[in-house]
Amino acid sequence: MTFDELLLDWRDKHGANVVPTGWSQGRATFGGLVAAMLNEKMAAEVIAESSLRSLTFSFVSPVSADAVKVEAQLLRAGRSVTQVQGQLLQNNATVLAGLASFGSGRESSVKVDTPAAPEFASPDKCIALPYIEGVVPEFTQKYDYRIARGQLPFSGTTERQLGGWVRFKDGSESTIGISHLLTLIDAWPPATLPMLKVPAPASSLTWTLELMEPLPQRSASDWWQYLAEVEQAEDGYAVIQARLWDNAGRLVALSRQMVTIFA
């Protein structure tokens, strides 16, 4: 099942569903996928004309490939800003909590240009992230990665940056949406993994994103530029900030994650 087909199936069923197989990340389901599922539910509570500005997720516990219940509650709908909270539950326990902020555009005298896209070599000249069963998460087979900055995971580098090109390779061809972007951003290994010398698990604890809407009219199968940097790491936790641009160099998302490291 492609990601496009998965989204359509999820939208039809809304409240209760089963996490699909093929998207595992160690003992859990890929965090970008479950974040996308919760986003779909929260977005359904808001009028289509209101743009998503910010998303915050807290990964409470691993989400298994099992039945999941999705809930969302409208907290407040003001003249410009709407706030929605949501949660994924398994076995009556919250496994993922989210808060979404939607806002209509308004006139403002403040305008600051977004950061320029990095100058990467073309995808065909960059290193492909290989799939190694038992080392690389299962879900990565649905994406195509080209590393243009930094090193491969578990290479023992001291570089703080990791990035390059990414796109869907599972056959998804629809125009990009928020849920697509969530999985494209989170599909990359944490930028701390290349610092390790041997394979070890790492997972997101919290994740906050700001979106630059309106989104570009581009396909899920187009190349997207990604660049992450480790801002701080100590005591088994790391703070990683990242950005995502389209293939024309337009910034579409800012990301910030607190990551746990088990090594």
Protein backbone atom coordinates (compact mmCIF):
# COMPACT_ATOMS: atom_id res chain seq x y z
CA MET A 1 0.00 0.00 0.00
CA THR A 2 1.41 3.40 -0.98
CA PHE A 3 1.30 6.35 1.40
CA ASP A 4 -1.35 7.99 -0.79
CA GLU A 5 -3.57 4.89 -0.51
CA LEU A 6 -2.92 4.70 3.22
CA LEU A 7 -4.09 8.32 3.69
CA LEU A 8 -7.28 7.75 1.71
CA ASP A 9 -8.07 4.62 3.73
CA TRP A 10 -7.41 6.44 7.01
CA ARG A 11 -9.59 9.42 6.07
CA ASP A 12 -12.49 7.08 5.30
CA LYS A 13 -12.36 5.37 8.70
CA HIS A 14 -11.45 8.31 10.98
CA GLY A 15 -11.90 7.33 14.65
CA ALA A 16 -10.58 3.76 14.79
CA ASN A 17 -8.08 2.00 12.57
CA VAL A 18 -5.16 -0.42 12.55
CA VAL A 19 -1.59 0.76 12.15
CA PRO A 20 -0.38 -0.73 8.84
CA THR A 21 2.48 -3.20 8.62
CA GLY A 22 5.66 -2.41 6.71
CA TRP A 23 6.25 0.84 8.63
CA SER A 24 8.20 -0.44 11.62
CA GLN A 25 11.05 1.41 13.29
CA GLY A 26 12.62 -1.10 15.63
CA ARG A 27 10.01 -2.14 18.20
CA ALA A 28 7.70 0.75 17.29
CA THR A 29 5.89 2.14 14.27
CA PHE A 30 7.62 4.93 12.32
CA GLY A 31 7.01 8.18 14.25
CA GLY A 32 6.42 10.25 11.11
CA LEU A 33 3.57 7.93 10.10
CA VAL A 34 1.71 8.06 13.43
CA ALA A 35 2.24 11.84 13.57
CA ALA A 36 0.67 12.08 10.10
CA MET A 37 -2.30 10.00 11.22
CA LEU A 38 -2.90 12.27 14.20
CA ASN A 39 -2.50 15.34 11.99
CA GLU A 40 -5.26 14.04 9.69
CA LYS A 41 -7.67 13.80 12.62
CA MET A 42 -6.80 17.22 14.06
CA ALA A 43 -7.02 18.93 10.66
CA ALA A 44 -10.53 17.51 10.16
CA GLU A 45 -11.70 19.69 13.07
CA VAL A 46 -10.79 22.94 11.28
CA ILE A 47 -12.25 24.77 8.27
CA ALA A 48 -10.26 24.25 5.09
CA GLU A 49 -9.48 27.96 4.69
CA SER A 50 -7.36 28.03 7.87
CA SER A 51 -3.67 27.19 7.33
CA LEU A 52 -1.67 24.97 9.65
CA ARG A 53 1.07 27.06 11.27
CA SER A 54 2.53 24.86 14.02
CA LEU A 55 2.45 21.25 15.23
CA THR A 56 3.81 19.81 18.46
CA PHE A 57 3.97 16.10 19.25
CA SER A 58 4.91 14.19 22.38
CA PHE A 59 5.79 10.53 21.79
CA VAL A 60 4.52 9.04 25.03
CA SER A 61 5.24 5.38 24.27
CA PRO A 62 5.95 3.14 21.25
CA VAL A 63 3.02 2.62 18.87
CA SER A 64 2.65 -1.02 17.87
CA ALA A 65 1.18 -2.35 14.61
CA ASP A 66 -2.20 -2.94 16.22
CA ALA A 67 -5.58 -1.27 16.65
CA VAL A 68 -5.36 2.42 17.41
CA LYS A 69 -8.00 4.98 18.38
CA VAL A 70 -7.60 8.57 17.23
CA GLU A 71 -9.24 11.49 19.05
CA ALA A 72 -9.20 15.26 18.52
CA GLN A 73 -10.75 18.15 20.41
CA LEU A 74 -11.23 21.74 19.29
CA LEU A 75 -9.83 23.89 22.11
CA ARG A 76 -10.66 27.32 20.72
CA ALA A 77 -11.62 28.89 17.39
CA GLY A 78 -10.84 32.62 17.40
CA ARG A 79 -11.13 35.10 14.56
CA SER A 80 -7.65 34.25 13.25
CA VAL A 81 -6.26 31.33 15.22
CA THR A 82 -7.70 27.88 15.96
CA GLN A 83 -6.16 25.43 18.43
CA VAL A 84 -6.77 21.68 18.34
CA GLN A 85 -5.41 18.91 20.55
CA GLY A 86 -5.37 15.23 19.69
CA GLN A 87 -4.17 11.86 20.88
CA LEU A 88 -3.60 8.32 19.66
CA LEU A 89 -4.59 5.57 22.06
CA GLN A 90 -3.78 1.87 22.25
CA ASN A 91 -5.23 -0.34 24.97
CA ASN A 92 -6.93 2.77 26.44
CA ALA A 93 -3.56 4.47 27.01
CA THR A 94 -2.25 7.57 25.22
CA VAL A 95 0.73 6.73 23.04
CA LEU A 96 0.98 10.01 21.10
CA ALA A 97 -0.25 13.49 22.04
CA GLY A 98 -0.43 16.46 19.69
CA LEU A 99 -1.29 20.15 19.57
CA ALA A 100 -2.00 21.93 16.29
CA SER A 101 -2.25 25.68 15.71
CA PHE A 102 -4.06 26.92 12.61
CA GLY A 103 -4.12 30.55 11.56
CA SER A 104 -5.60 32.71 8.81
CA GLY A 105 -3.28 35.18 7.11
CA ARG A 106 -3.44 38.86 7.99
CA GLU A 107 -1.72 42.04 6.82
CA SER A 108 1.55 42.78 8.62
CA SER A 109 4.45 45.22 8.23
CA VAL A 110 6.90 42.54 9.41
CA LYS A 111 8.43 40.32 6.73
CA VAL A 112 11.65 38.34 7.12
CA ASP A 113 13.10 36.26 4.30
CA THR A 114 13.48 32.54 4.95
CA PRO A 115 16.91 30.85 5.01
CA ALA A 116 18.26 29.90 1.60
CA ALA A 117 18.43 26.25 0.63
CA PRO A 118 21.86 24.63 0.97
CA GLU A 119 23.95 24.10 -2.14
CA PHE A 120 23.87 20.32 -2.51
CA ALA A 121 25.26 18.24 -5.34
CA SER A 122 22.54 16.77 -7.54
CA PRO A 123 20.89 13.58 -6.19
CA ASP A 124 22.62 11.34 -8.75
CA LYS A 125 26.00 12.50 -7.45
CA CYS A 126 25.22 11.88 -3.76
CA ILE A 127 25.56 8.75 -1.62
CA ALA A 128 22.40 6.65 -1.36
CA LEU A 129 21.36 5.56 2.13
CA PRO A 130 21.48 1.75 1.91
CA TYR A 131 18.90 -0.59 3.40
CA ILE A 132 20.52 -3.18 5.68
CA GLU A 133 17.98 -5.52 7.24
CA GLY A 134 18.18 -5.52 11.02
CA VAL A 135 20.19 -2.29 11.08
CA VAL A 136 18.16 0.19 9.04
CA PRO A 137 14.43 0.58 9.92
CA GLU A 138 11.95 -1.27 7.71
CA PHE A 139 9.99 1.85 6.73
CA THR A 140 13.03 3.44 5.01
CA GLN A 141 12.42 1.16 2.01
CA LYS A 142 9.52 3.46 1.10
CA TYR A 143 11.85 6.45 0.62
CA ASP A 144 14.78 7.36 -1.57
CA TYR A 145 17.64 9.15 0.24
CA ARG A 146 20.74 10.87 -1.08
CA ILE A 147 23.26 12.09 1.52
CA ALA A 148 24.82 15.41 0.47
CA ARG A 149 26.01 16.65 3.87
CA GLY A 150 27.42 14.56 6.71
CA GLN A 151 28.16 10.85 6.96
CA LEU A 152 26.32 7.53 7.06
CA PRO A 153 24.81 6.39 10.38
CA PHE A 154 27.20 4.64 12.79
CA SER A 155 30.32 5.98 11.07
CA GLY A 156 31.70 7.65 14.20
CA THR A 157 31.91 11.14 12.68
CA THR A 158 32.20 14.36 14.68
CA GLU A 159 30.14 16.31 12.11
CA ARG A 160 27.00 17.90 13.55
CA GLN A 161 25.06 18.12 10.26
CA LEU A 162 23.23 15.51 8.21
CA GLY A 163 21.18 16.16 5.11
CA GLY A 164 20.59 15.74 1.44
CA TRP A 165 17.71 14.79 -0.82
CA VAL A 166 14.64 12.69 -0.03
CA ARG A 167 11.52 11.58 -1.90
CA PHE A 168 8.84 8.88 -1.81
CA LYS A 169 9.65 5.82 -3.88
CA ASP A 170 6.53 3.79 -2.96
CA GLY A 171 4.49 5.07 -5.93
CA SER A 172 2.87 8.03 -4.16
CA GLU A 173 2.33 10.71 -6.82
CA SER A 174 -0.27 13.05 -5.31
CA THR A 175 0.33 16.75 -4.66
CA ILE A 176 2.23 17.16 -1.42
CA GLY A 177 0.27 17.70 1.79
CA ILE A 178 1.13 18.23 5.46
CA SER A 179 1.02 14.52 6.22
CA HIS A 180 3.44 13.78 3.37
CA LEU A 181 5.82 16.43 4.72
CA LEU A 182 5.72 14.97 8.23
CA THR A 183 6.94 11.62 7.00
CA LEU A 184 9.55 13.11 4.64
CA ILE A 185 11.10 15.12 7.48
CA ASP A 186 11.03 12.34 10.06
CA ALA A 187 12.18 9.71 7.55
CA TRP A 188 15.78 10.88 7.98
CA PRO A 189 17.91 9.22 10.67
CA PRO A 190 18.51 11.47 13.69
CA ALA A 191 21.61 13.56 12.99
CA THR A 192 23.20 11.99 16.09
CA LEU A 193 23.36 8.49 14.57
CA PRO A 194 26.42 9.19 12.37
CA MET A 195 28.24 10.13 15.59
CA LEU A 196 27.89 6.58 16.90
CA LYS A 197 30.45 3.91 16.00
CA VAL A 198 28.11 0.92 16.37
CA PRO A 199 24.35 0.48 15.77
CA ALA A 200 22.19 1.63 18.67
CA PRO A 201 18.56 2.75 18.95
CA ALA A 202 17.38 6.35 19.11
CA SER A 203 13.87 7.76 19.19
CA SER A 204 12.01 11.07 19.26
CA LEU A 205 10.70 12.31 22.59
CA THR A 206 9.14 15.58 21.41
CA TRP A 207 8.80 17.18 17.98
CA THR A 208 7.73 20.69 17.00
CA LEU A 209 7.25 21.93 13.43
CA GLU A 210 6.38 25.25 11.82
CA LEU A 211 4.93 25.15 8.31
CA MET A 212 5.34 27.77 5.59
CA GLU A 213 1.95 27.72 3.90
CA PRO A 214 0.66 27.75 1.25
CA LEU A 215 2.52 24.58 0.38
CA PRO A 216 4.16 24.30 -3.06
CA GLN A 217 2.23 22.44 -5.72
CA ARG A 218 4.71 19.62 -6.01
CA SER A 219 4.49 15.84 -6.07
CA ALA A 220 5.31 13.43 -3.25
CA SER A 221 7.73 11.76 -5.68
CA ASP A 222 9.70 14.99 -6.30
CA TRP A 223 13.04 15.49 -4.59
CA TRP A 224 13.06 17.56 -1.36
CA GLN A 225 16.10 19.09 0.34
CA TYR A 226 16.65 18.38 4.03
CA LEU A 227 19.33 19.59 6.44
CA ALA A 228 19.56 18.84 10.17
CA GLU A 229 22.05 19.96 12.81
CA VAL A 230 22.67 18.69 16.33
CA GLU A 231 22.46 21.76 18.57
CA GLN A 232 23.26 20.02 21.85
CA ALA A 233 23.69 16.47 23.14
CA GLU A 234 24.36 15.15 26.65
CA ASP A 235 23.08 12.57 29.17
CA GLY A 236 21.46 10.45 26.45
CA TYR A 237 19.38 13.29 24.96
CA ALA A 238 19.97 15.53 21.96
CA VAL A 239 18.34 18.60 20.46
CA ILE A 240 18.20 18.58 16.65
CA GLN A 241 16.91 21.39 14.44
CA ALA A 242 16.16 20.78 10.77
CA ARG A 243 14.72 22.45 7.67
CA LEU A 244 13.00 21.17 4.54
CA TRP A 245 12.99 22.91 1.15
CA ASP A 246 11.36 21.93 -2.13
CA ASN A 247 13.52 21.24 -5.19
CA ALA A 248 13.24 24.90 -6.22
CA GLY A 249 14.81 26.05 -2.95
CA ARG A 250 11.63 27.24 -1.23
CA LEU A 251 11.53 26.64 2.54
CA VAL A 252 8.42 24.69 3.55
CA ALA A 253 9.06 23.54 7.13
CA LEU A 254 11.15 24.15 10.25
CA SER A 255 11.63 21.22 12.64
CA ARG A 256 12.99 20.80 16.15
CA GLN A 257 13.25 17.47 17.98
CA MET A 258 14.36 16.20 21.35
CA VAL A 259 15.84 12.77 20.67
CA THR A 260 16.75 10.03 23.13
CA ILE A 261 19.97 8.09 22.50
CA PHE A 262 20.57 4.61 23.91
CA ALA A 263 24.35 4.52 23.57
